[in-house]
């Protein structure tokens, strides 16, 4: 990963996004819970049996056997990811997700995110990460930060064909995460609407997706008491900025020496 002293934002006005005040329809939550429960068990059984059949067919002379199994596995994994997404949103809606804040290394965290994307067959080689500080340790909920970054990067990779830029810096007790792509963008009049569950922009209908990624991001950011901003222009790309308050690392872990850094502000 490379480091840089300069981070340039585009000139578009950023739109602040928050889940506060959004309609929390109880019936919708009940449907989500029911769907996740009813789908998870049979899909898991399907995956186990596909893997078993694949082992039995190892060495087959039919060139289409391996490709067929890969398609089946990918389809099942997509369903499981969808179930995990709706379960996450349901837990957030019911207040069942408890924060687990601990210290971790941001460099290693980024490496794990990249590896997770690669395992899901995304072209992570297009992701360029710049850290204002090397060997940075922070204290926050690692799982929620993972969900935020994974979904931002999945969208950026899915809706663009060129490089995806990620800038990370820390000033005082705030982490700033910026993800920028040069993809298809979001229509200005739809920017707020696409953060609702199952909502998708009108210009992405031909691209596979569930419409849950952005709603997961906004829920996770709010749970961390952070701020989410988006700037987008159709045909030029989209830029997300996430600001997360961090726990003072010297207070929670006195063994870690406090160091003062001069970090460029976004």
C-alpha atoms as a PDB file:
ATOM      1  CA  UNK A   1       0.000   0.000   0.000  1.00  0.00           C
ATOM      2  CA  UNK A   2       1.184   3.481  -0.852  1.00  0.00           C
ATOM      3  CA  UNK A   3       1.086   6.594   1.276  1.00  0.00           C
ATOM      4  CA  UNK A   4       0.358  10.101   0.107  1.00  0.00           C
ATOM      5  CA  UNK A   5       0.404  13.566   1.621  1.00  0.00           C
ATOM      6  CA  UNK A   6      -2.333  14.950  -0.620  1.00  0.00           C
ATOM      7  CA  UNK A   7      -5.950  13.944  -1.015  1.00  0.00           C
ATOM      8  CA  UNK A   8      -8.077  15.831  -3.516  1.00  0.00           C
ATOM      9  CA  UNK A   9     -11.852  15.788  -3.461  1.00  0.00           C
ATOM     10  CA  UNK A  10     -13.932  16.669  -6.468  1.00  0.00           C
ATOM     11  CA  UNK A  11     -15.803  19.962  -6.543  1.00  0.00           C
ATOM     12  CA  UNK A  12     -19.312  18.556  -6.262  1.00  0.00           C
ATOM     13  CA  UNK A  13     -21.267  19.363  -3.146  1.00  0.00           C
ATOM     14  CA  UNK A  14     -21.446  16.426  -0.786  1.00  0.00           C
ATOM     15  CA  UNK A  15     -24.822  15.149   0.365  1.00  0.00           C
ATOM     16  CA  UNK A  16     -25.041  14.046   4.003  1.00  0.00           C
ATOM     17  CA  UNK A  17     -26.685  10.647   4.438  1.00  0.00           C
ATOM     18  CA  UNK A  18     -28.226   9.304   7.653  1.00  0.00           C
ATOM     19  CA  UNK A  19     -30.724   6.583   8.521  1.00  0.00           C
ATOM     20  CA  UNK A  20     -32.176   8.712  11.303  1.00  0.00           C
ATOM     21  CA  UNK A  21     -35.734   9.633  10.486  1.00  0.00           C
ATOM     22  CA  UNK A  22     -36.150   6.935   7.840  1.00  0.00           C
ATOM     23  CA  UNK A  23     -39.317   4.895   7.996  1.00  0.00           C
ATOM     24  CA  UNK A  24     -38.830   1.906  10.311  1.00  0.00           C
ATOM     25  CA  UNK A  25     -41.768  -0.186   9.229  1.00  0.00           C
ATOM     26  CA  UNK A  26     -42.223  -3.102  11.634  1.00  0.00           C
ATOM     27  CA  UNK A  27     -43.946  -5.227   9.023  1.00  0.00           C
ATOM     28  CA  UNK A  28     -40.908  -4.920   6.765  1.00  0.00           C
ATOM     29  CA  UNK A  29     -38.672  -6.147   9.576  1.00  0.00           C
ATOM     30  CA  UNK A  30     -40.896  -9.145  10.173  1.00  0.00           C
ATOM     31  CA  UNK A  31     -40.725 -10.040   6.477  1.00  0.00           C
ATOM     32  CA  UNK A  32     -36.937  -9.738   6.488  1.00  0.00           C
ATOM     33  CA  UNK A  33     -36.630 -11.958   9.557  1.00  0.00           C
ATOM     34  CA  UNK A  34     -38.913 -14.562   8.045  1.00  0.00           C
ATOM     35  CA  UNK A  35     -37.105 -14.577   4.692  1.00  0.00           C
ATOM     36  CA  UNK A  36     -33.698 -15.000   6.301  1.00  0.00           C
ATOM     37  CA  UNK A  37     -34.878 -17.818   8.533  1.00  0.00           C
ATOM     38  CA  UNK A  38     -36.695 -19.747   5.810  1.00  0.00           C
ATOM     39  CA  UNK A  39     -33.930 -19.419   3.215  1.00  0.00           C
ATOM     40  CA  UNK A  40     -30.746 -19.987   5.191  1.00  0.00           C
ATOM     41  CA  UNK A  41     -31.211 -23.680   6.074  1.00  0.00           C
ATOM     42  CA  UNK A  42     -32.185 -25.035   2.625  1.00  0.00           C
ATOM     43  CA  UNK A  43     -29.523 -22.937   0.877  1.00  0.00           C
ATOM     44  CA  UNK A  44     -26.858 -24.183   3.279  1.00  0.00           C
ATOM     45  CA  UNK A  45     -27.973 -27.766   2.573  1.00  0.00           C
ATOM     46  CA  UNK A  46     -27.764 -27.071  -1.160  1.00  0.00           C
ATOM     47  CA  UNK A  47     -24.218 -25.784  -0.808  1.00  0.00           C
ATOM     48  CA  UNK A  48     -23.111 -28.844   1.177  1.00  0.00           C
ATOM     49  CA  UNK A  49     -24.587 -31.218  -1.386  1.00  0.00           C
ATOM     50  CA  UNK A  50     -23.061 -29.338  -4.312  1.00  0.00           C
ATOM     51  CA  UNK A  51     -19.647 -29.645  -2.673  1.00  0.00           C
ATOM     52  CA  UNK A  52     -20.244 -33.373  -2.067  1.00  0.00           C
ATOM     53  CA  UNK A  53     -21.302 -33.965  -5.683  1.00  0.00           C
ATOM     54  CA  UNK A  54     -18.297 -32.012  -6.889  1.00  0.00           C
ATOM     55  CA  UNK A  55     -15.965 -34.337  -4.983  1.00  0.00           C
ATOM     56  CA  UNK A  56     -17.694 -37.376  -6.483  1.00  0.00           C
ATOM     57  CA  UNK A  57     -17.230 -36.007 -10.000  1.00  0.00           C
ATOM     58  CA  UNK A  58     -13.549 -35.131  -9.705  1.00  0.00           C
ATOM     59  CA  UNK A  59     -11.740 -36.463 -12.753  1.00  0.00           C
ATOM     60  CA  UNK A  60     -14.764 -36.335 -15.023  1.00  0.00           C
ATOM     61  CA  UNK A  61     -13.933 -36.100 -18.727  1.00  0.00           C
ATOM     62  CA  UNK A  62     -16.883 -33.783 -19.360  1.00  0.00           C
ATOM     63  CA  UNK A  63     -15.452 -30.231 -19.784  1.00  0.00           C
ATOM     64  CA  UNK A  64     -18.720 -28.647 -18.653  1.00  0.00           C
ATOM     65  CA  UNK A  65     -18.880 -30.400 -15.257  1.00  0.00           C
ATOM     66  CA  UNK A  66     -16.441 -28.108 -13.438  1.00  0.00           C
ATOM     67  CA  UNK A  67     -17.989 -24.988 -14.988  1.00  0.00           C
ATOM     68  CA  UNK A  68     -21.472 -26.137 -13.964  1.00  0.00           C
ATOM     69  CA  UNK A  69     -20.374 -26.698 -10.381  1.00  0.00           C
ATOM     70  CA  UNK A  70     -18.734 -23.262 -10.261  1.00  0.00           C
ATOM     71  CA  UNK A  71     -21.937 -21.632 -11.480  1.00  0.00           C
ATOM     72  CA  UNK A  72     -23.953 -23.498  -8.854  1.00  0.00           C
ATOM     73  CA  UNK A  73     -21.530 -22.546  -6.069  1.00  0.00           C
ATOM     74  CA  UNK A  74     -21.512 -18.890  -7.140  1.00  0.00           C
ATOM     75  CA  UNK A  75     -25.320 -18.808  -7.229  1.00  0.00           C
ATOM     76  CA  UNK A  76     -25.594 -20.336  -3.764  1.00  0.00           C
ATOM     77  CA  UNK A  77     -22.959 -17.940  -2.389  1.00  0.00           C
ATOM     78  CA  UNK A  78     -24.909 -14.994  -3.836  1.00  0.00           C
ATOM     79  CA  UNK A  79     -28.048 -16.165  -2.065  1.00  0.00           C
ATOM     80  CA  UNK A  80     -26.167 -16.607   1.210  1.00  0.00           C
ATOM     81  CA  UNK A  81     -24.690 -13.109   0.897  1.00  0.00           C
ATOM     82  CA  UNK A  82     -28.182 -11.749   0.349  1.00  0.00           C
ATOM     83  CA  UNK A  83     -29.444 -13.572   3.442  1.00  0.00           C
ATOM     84  CA  UNK A  84     -26.546 -12.217   5.494  1.00  0.00           C
ATOM     85  CA  UNK A  85     -27.343  -8.696   4.291  1.00  0.00           C
ATOM     86  CA  UNK A  86     -31.005  -8.833   5.252  1.00  0.00           C
ATOM     87  CA  UNK A  87     -30.128 -10.455   8.592  1.00  0.00           C
ATOM     88  CA  UNK A  88     -27.668  -7.641   9.311  1.00  0.00           C
ATOM     89  CA  UNK A  89     -30.279  -4.997   8.535  1.00  0.00           C
ATOM     90  CA  UNK A  90     -32.831  -6.801  10.668  1.00  0.00           C
ATOM     91  CA  UNK A  91     -30.444  -6.971  13.624  1.00  0.00           C
ATOM     92  CA  UNK A  92     -29.657  -3.283  13.265  1.00  0.00           C
ATOM     93  CA  UNK A  93     -33.344  -2.443  13.082  1.00  0.00           C
ATOM     94  CA  UNK A  94     -34.076  -4.344  16.274  1.00  0.00           C
ATOM     95  CA  UNK A  95     -31.080  -2.939  18.112  1.00  0.00           C
ATOM     96  CA  UNK A  96     -29.661  -6.444  18.514  1.00  0.00           C
ATOM     97  CA  UNK A  97     -26.200  -5.648  17.172  1.00  0.00           C
ATOM     98  CA  UNK A  98     -23.881  -4.810  20.066  1.00  0.00           C
ATOM     99  CA  UNK A  99     -20.750  -2.779  19.515  1.00  0.00           C
ATOM    100  CA  UNK A 100     -17.462  -4.584  20.126  1.00  0.00           C
ATOM    101  CA  UNK A 101     -14.721  -1.984  20.094  1.00  0.00           C
ATOM    102  CA  UNK A 102     -11.113  -3.118  20.203  1.00  0.00           C
ATOM    103  CA  UNK A 103      -7.703  -2.099  18.950  1.00  0.00           C
ATOM    104  CA  UNK A 104      -6.517  -3.309  15.536  1.00  0.00           C
ATOM    105  CA  UNK A 105      -3.976  -2.433  12.860  1.00  0.00           C
ATOM    106  CA  UNK A 106      -5.471  -0.589   9.868  1.00  0.00           C
ATOM    107  CA  UNK A 107      -2.889  -1.951   7.418  1.00  0.00           C
ATOM    108  CA  UNK A 108      -3.736  -5.546   8.312  1.00  0.00           C
ATOM    109  CA  UNK A 109      -7.434  -4.670   8.248  1.00  0.00           C
ATOM    110  CA  UNK A 110      -7.144  -3.385   4.670  1.00  0.00           C
ATOM    111  CA  UNK A 111      -5.261  -6.522   3.636  1.00  0.00           C
ATOM    112  CA  UNK A 112      -8.074  -8.663   5.061  1.00  0.00           C
ATOM    113  CA  UNK A 113     -10.701  -6.640   3.187  1.00  0.00           C
ATOM    114  CA  UNK A 114      -8.795  -7.047  -0.094  1.00  0.00           C
ATOM    115  CA  UNK A 115      -8.478 -10.785   0.489  1.00  0.00           C
ATOM    116  CA  UNK A 116     -12.198 -11.071   1.230  1.00  0.00           C
ATOM    117  CA  UNK A 117     -13.020  -9.320  -2.044  1.00  0.00           C
ATOM    118  CA  UNK A 118     -10.659 -11.582  -3.977  1.00  0.00           C
ATOM    119  CA  UNK A 119     -12.285 -14.671  -2.483  1.00  0.00           C
ATOM    120  CA  UNK A 120     -15.621 -13.311  -3.710  1.00  0.00           C
ATOM    121  CA  UNK A 121     -14.179 -13.055  -7.240  1.00  0.00           C
ATOM    122  CA  UNK A 122     -13.964  -9.251  -7.365  1.00  0.00           C
ATOM    123  CA  UNK A 123     -11.081  -7.636  -9.247  1.00  0.00           C
ATOM    124  CA  UNK A 124      -9.359  -6.214  -6.172  1.00  0.00           C
ATOM    125  CA  UNK A 125      -6.267  -5.410  -8.250  1.00  0.00           C
ATOM    126  CA  UNK A 126      -8.057  -2.198  -9.313  1.00  0.00           C
ATOM    127  CA  UNK A 127      -8.120  -0.920  -5.733  1.00  0.00           C
ATOM    128  CA  UNK A 128      -5.435   1.648  -4.887  1.00  0.00           C
ATOM    129  CA  UNK A 129      -5.104   2.403  -1.161  1.00  0.00           C
ATOM    130  CA  UNK A 130      -3.313   5.419   0.290  1.00  0.00           C
ATOM    131  CA  UNK A 131      -2.731   5.693   4.034  1.00  0.00           C
ATOM    132  CA  UNK A 132      -1.754   8.999   5.598  1.00  0.00           C
ATOM    133  CA  UNK A 133      -0.102   7.011   8.410  1.00  0.00           C
ATOM    134  CA  UNK A 134       1.667   3.696   8.146  1.00  0.00           C
ATOM    135  CA  UNK A 135       1.246   1.077  10.864  1.00  0.00           C
ATOM    136  CA  UNK A 136      -1.828   2.861  12.231  1.00  0.00           C
ATOM    137  CA  UNK A 137      -3.747   1.381  15.168  1.00  0.00           C
ATOM    138  CA  UNK A 138      -7.321   2.452  15.939  1.00  0.00           C
ATOM    139  CA  UNK A 139     -10.087   1.435  18.341  1.00  0.00           C
ATOM    140  CA  UNK A 140     -13.572   0.934  16.934  1.00  0.00           C
ATOM    141  CA  UNK A 141     -15.912  -1.900  15.967  1.00  0.00           C
ATOM    142  CA  UNK A 142     -13.896  -3.835  13.379  1.00  0.00           C
ATOM    143  CA  UNK A 143     -16.891  -5.805  12.068  1.00  0.00           C
ATOM    144  CA  UNK A 144     -18.949  -2.700  11.312  1.00  0.00           C
ATOM    145  CA  UNK A 145     -15.992  -0.927   9.717  1.00  0.00           C
ATOM    146  CA  UNK A 146     -15.471  -4.032   7.588  1.00  0.00           C
ATOM    147  CA  UNK A 147     -19.105  -3.973   6.436  1.00  0.00           C
ATOM    148  CA  UNK A 148     -18.783  -0.287   5.520  1.00  0.00           C
ATOM    149  CA  UNK A 149     -15.594  -0.656   3.487  1.00  0.00           C
ATOM    150  CA  UNK A 150     -16.558  -3.955   1.834  1.00  0.00           C
ATOM    151  CA  UNK A 151     -19.862  -2.564   0.569  1.00  0.00           C
ATOM    152  CA  UNK A 152     -18.283   0.689  -0.615  1.00  0.00           C
ATOM    153  CA  UNK A 153     -15.650  -1.237  -2.561  1.00  0.00           C
ATOM    154  CA  UNK A 154     -18.094  -3.790  -3.973  1.00  0.00           C
ATOM    155  CA  UNK A 155     -20.213  -0.959  -5.381  1.00  0.00           C
ATOM    156  CA  UNK A 156     -17.172   0.879  -6.742  1.00  0.00           C
ATOM    157  CA  UNK A 157     -15.848  -2.251  -8.453  1.00  0.00           C
ATOM    158  CA  UNK A 158     -19.254  -3.240  -9.755  1.00  0.00           C
ATOM    159  CA  UNK A 159     -20.212   0.116 -11.256  1.00  0.00           C
ATOM    160  CA  UNK A 160     -16.838   1.164 -12.684  1.00  0.00           C
ATOM    161  CA  UNK A 161     -14.173  -0.421 -14.863  1.00  0.00           C
ATOM    162  CA  UNK A 162     -11.171   1.707 -13.913  1.00  0.00           C
ATOM    163  CA  UNK A 163      -9.165   2.159 -10.716  1.00  0.00           C
ATOM    164  CA  UNK A 164     -10.891   2.589  -7.365  1.00  0.00           C
ATOM    165  CA  UNK A 165      -9.121   4.943  -4.966  1.00  0.00           C
ATOM    166  CA  UNK A 166      -9.203   4.604  -1.191  1.00  0.00           C
ATOM    167  CA  UNK A 167      -7.769   7.272   1.127  1.00  0.00           C
ATOM    168  CA  UNK A 168      -7.532   6.736   4.885  1.00  0.00           C
ATOM    169  CA  UNK A 169      -6.362   9.195   7.524  1.00  0.00           C
ATOM    170  CA  UNK A 170      -6.756   9.878  11.218  1.00  0.00           C
ATOM    171  CA  UNK A 171      -6.925  13.286  12.838  1.00  0.00           C
ATOM    172  CA  UNK A 172      -7.180  13.368  16.605  1.00  0.00           C
ATOM    173  CA  UNK A 173      -9.861  10.767  17.416  1.00  0.00           C
ATOM    174  CA  UNK A 174     -11.526  10.654  14.004  1.00  0.00           C
ATOM    175  CA  UNK A 175     -10.977   8.223  11.159  1.00  0.00           C
ATOM    176  CA  UNK A 176     -11.727   9.518   7.662  1.00  0.00           C
ATOM    177  CA  UNK A 177     -12.326   6.992   4.922  1.00  0.00           C
ATOM    178  CA  UNK A 178     -12.726   8.108   1.321  1.00  0.00           C
ATOM    179  CA  UNK A 179     -13.651   5.803  -1.582  1.00  0.00           C
ATOM    180  CA  UNK A 180     -13.679   7.234  -5.102  1.00  0.00           C
ATOM    181  CA  UNK A 181     -14.535   5.649  -8.455  1.00  0.00           C
ATOM    182  CA  UNK A 182     -14.918   6.877 -12.039  1.00  0.00           C
ATOM    183  CA  UNK A 183     -18.009   4.806 -12.789  1.00  0.00           C
ATOM    184  CA  UNK A 184     -21.544   5.403 -13.964  1.00  0.00           C
ATOM    185  CA  UNK A 185     -22.513   7.639 -11.033  1.00  0.00           C
ATOM    186  CA  UNK A 186     -25.862   8.184  -9.302  1.00  0.00           C
ATOM    187  CA  UNK A 187     -28.547  10.517 -10.694  1.00  0.00           C
ATOM    188  CA  UNK A 188     -28.653  13.606  -8.479  1.00  0.00           C
ATOM    189  CA  UNK A 189     -32.370  13.305  -7.748  1.00  0.00           C
ATOM    190  CA  UNK A 190     -31.924   9.672  -6.596  1.00  0.00           C
ATOM    191  CA  UNK A 191     -28.954  10.048  -4.252  1.00  0.00           C
ATOM    192  CA  UNK A 192     -30.950   9.952  -1.016  1.00  0.00           C
ATOM    193  CA  UNK A 193     -33.431   7.331  -2.209  1.00  0.00           C
ATOM    194  CA  UNK A 194     -30.776   4.707  -3.077  1.00  0.00           C
ATOM    195  CA  UNK A 195     -29.826   4.422   0.605  1.00  0.00           C
ATOM    196  CA  UNK A 196     -33.217   2.859   1.392  1.00  0.00           C
ATOM    197  CA  UNK A 197     -33.334  -0.967   1.560  1.00  0.00           C
ATOM    198  CA  UNK A 198     -33.907  -2.649  -1.829  1.00  0.00           C
ATOM    199  CA  UNK A 199     -33.713   0.688  -3.668  1.00  0.00           C
ATOM    200  CA  UNK A 200     -31.487   0.942  -6.749  1.00  0.00           C
ATOM    201  CA  UNK A 201     -30.624   3.799  -9.067  1.00  0.00           C
ATOM    202  CA  UNK A 202     -32.427   3.909 -12.404  1.00  0.00           C
ATOM    203  CA  UNK A 203     -29.164   3.571 -14.367  1.00  0.00           C
ATOM    204  CA  UNK A 204     -28.064   0.233 -12.823  1.00  0.00           C
ATOM    205  CA  UNK A 205     -31.015  -1.974 -13.746  1.00  0.00           C
ATOM    206  CA  UNK A 206     -28.884  -4.161 -16.041  1.00  0.00           C
ATOM    207  CA  UNK A 207     -26.244  -4.776 -13.343  1.00  0.00           C
ATOM    208  CA  UNK A 208     -26.863  -7.479 -10.751  1.00  0.00           C
ATOM    209  CA  UNK A 209     -27.480  -6.290  -7.205  1.00  0.00           C
ATOM    210  CA  UNK A 210     -29.843  -6.515  -4.243  1.00  0.00           C
ATOM    211  CA  UNK A 211     -30.155  -2.840  -3.350  1.00  0.00           C
ATOM    212  CA  UNK A 212     -28.979  -3.536   0.213  1.00  0.00           C
ATOM    213  CA  UNK A 213     -25.320  -2.473   0.177  1.00  0.00           C
ATOM    214  CA  UNK A 214     -25.851   1.258   0.671  1.00  0.00           C
ATOM    215  CA  UNK A 215     -28.507   0.753   3.349  1.00  0.00           C
ATOM    216  CA  UNK A 216     -26.042  -1.449   5.260  1.00  0.00           C
ATOM    217  CA  UNK A 217     -23.413   1.279   5.007  1.00  0.00           C
ATOM    218  CA  UNK A 218     -25.653   4.007   6.379  1.00  0.00           C
ATOM    219  CA  UNK A 219     -26.881   1.792   9.237  1.00  0.00           C
ATOM    220  CA  UNK A 220     -23.338   0.790  10.207  1.00  0.00           C
ATOM    221  CA  UNK A 221     -22.114   4.397  10.076  1.00  0.00           C
ATOM    222  CA  UNK A 222     -24.980   5.562  12.286  1.00  0.00           C
ATOM    223  CA  UNK A 223     -24.336   2.718  14.721  1.00  0.00           C
ATOM    224  CA  UNK A 224     -20.753   3.970  15.053  1.00  0.00           C
ATOM    225  CA  UNK A 225     -22.102   7.521  15.506  1.00  0.00           C
ATOM    226  CA  UNK A 226     -20.258   8.587  12.379  1.00  0.00           C
ATOM    227  CA  UNK A 227     -21.055  10.714   9.353  1.00  0.00           C
ATOM    228  CA  UNK A 228     -21.574   9.665   5.748  1.00  0.00           C
ATOM    229  CA  UNK A 229     -21.340  11.963   2.723  1.00  0.00           C
ATOM    230  CA  UNK A 230     -21.686  11.225  -0.970  1.00  0.00           C
ATOM    231  CA  UNK A 231     -20.886  13.215  -4.092  1.00  0.00           C
ATOM    232  CA  UNK A 232     -21.800  11.789  -7.493  1.00  0.00           C
ATOM    233  CA  UNK A 233     -22.262  12.763 -11.111  1.00  0.00           C
ATOM    234  CA  UNK A 234     -23.710  10.531 -13.806  1.00  0.00           C
ATOM    235  CA  UNK A 235     -21.025   9.331 -16.196  1.00  0.00           C
ATOM    236  CA  UNK A 236     -18.171  10.657 -14.064  1.00  0.00           C
ATOM    237  CA  UNK A 237     -18.212   8.653 -10.858  1.00  0.00           C
ATOM    238  CA  UNK A 238     -19.044   8.636  -7.170  1.00  0.00           C
ATOM    239  CA  UNK A 239     -17.175   9.636  -4.050  1.00  0.00           C
ATOM    240  CA  UNK A 240     -18.065   8.480  -0.542  1.00  0.00           C
ATOM    241  CA  UNK A 241     -16.616  10.021   2.593  1.00  0.00           C
ATOM    242  CA  UNK A 242     -17.077   8.317   5.974  1.00  0.00           C
ATOM    243  CA  UNK A 243     -16.006   9.940   9.245  1.00  0.00           C
ATOM    244  CA  UNK A 244     -15.914   7.639  12.274  1.00  0.00           C
ATOM    245  CA  UNK A 245     -15.185   8.808  15.850  1.00  0.00           C
ATOM    246  CA  UNK A 246     -12.543   6.635  17.491  1.00  0.00           C
ATOM    247  CA  UNK A 247     -11.968   5.674  21.092  1.00  0.00           C
ATOM    248  CA  UNK A 248      -8.850   7.329  22.566  1.00  0.00           C
ATOM    249  CA  UNK A 249      -6.300   4.577  22.177  1.00  0.00           C
ATOM    250  CA  UNK A 250      -4.164   5.663  25.144  1.00  0.00           C
ATOM    251  CA  UNK A 251      -7.163   5.497  27.475  1.00  0.00           C
ATOM    252  CA  UNK A 252      -8.299   2.014  26.460  1.00  0.00           C
ATOM    253  CA  UNK A 253      -4.806   0.577  26.001  1.00  0.00           C
ATOM    254  CA  UNK A 254      -2.195   2.354  28.166  1.00  0.00           C
ATOM    255  CA  UNK A 255       0.513   0.003  26.816  1.00  0.00           C
ATOM    256  CA  UNK A 256       0.343   1.740  23.424  1.00  0.00           C
ATOM    257  CA  UNK A 257       2.470   4.865  23.319  1.00  0.00           C
ATOM    258  CA  UNK A 258       0.716   7.967  22.037  1.00  0.00           C
ATOM    259  CA  UNK A 259       2.376   9.576  19.017  1.00  0.00           C
ATOM    260  CA  UNK A 260       1.544  12.894  17.395  1.00  0.00           C
ATOM    261  CA  UNK A 261       1.310  12.887  13.594  1.00  0.00           C
ATOM    262  CA  UNK A 262       0.844  15.683  11.104  1.00  0.00           C
ATOM    263  CA  UNK A 263      -1.932  14.396   8.856  1.00  0.00           C
ATOM    264  CA  UNK A 264      -3.467  16.186   5.864  1.00  0.00           C
ATOM    265  CA  UNK A 265      -7.137  16.950   6.367  1.00  0.00           C
ATOM    266  CA  UNK A 266      -9.749  16.121   3.730  1.00  0.00           C
END
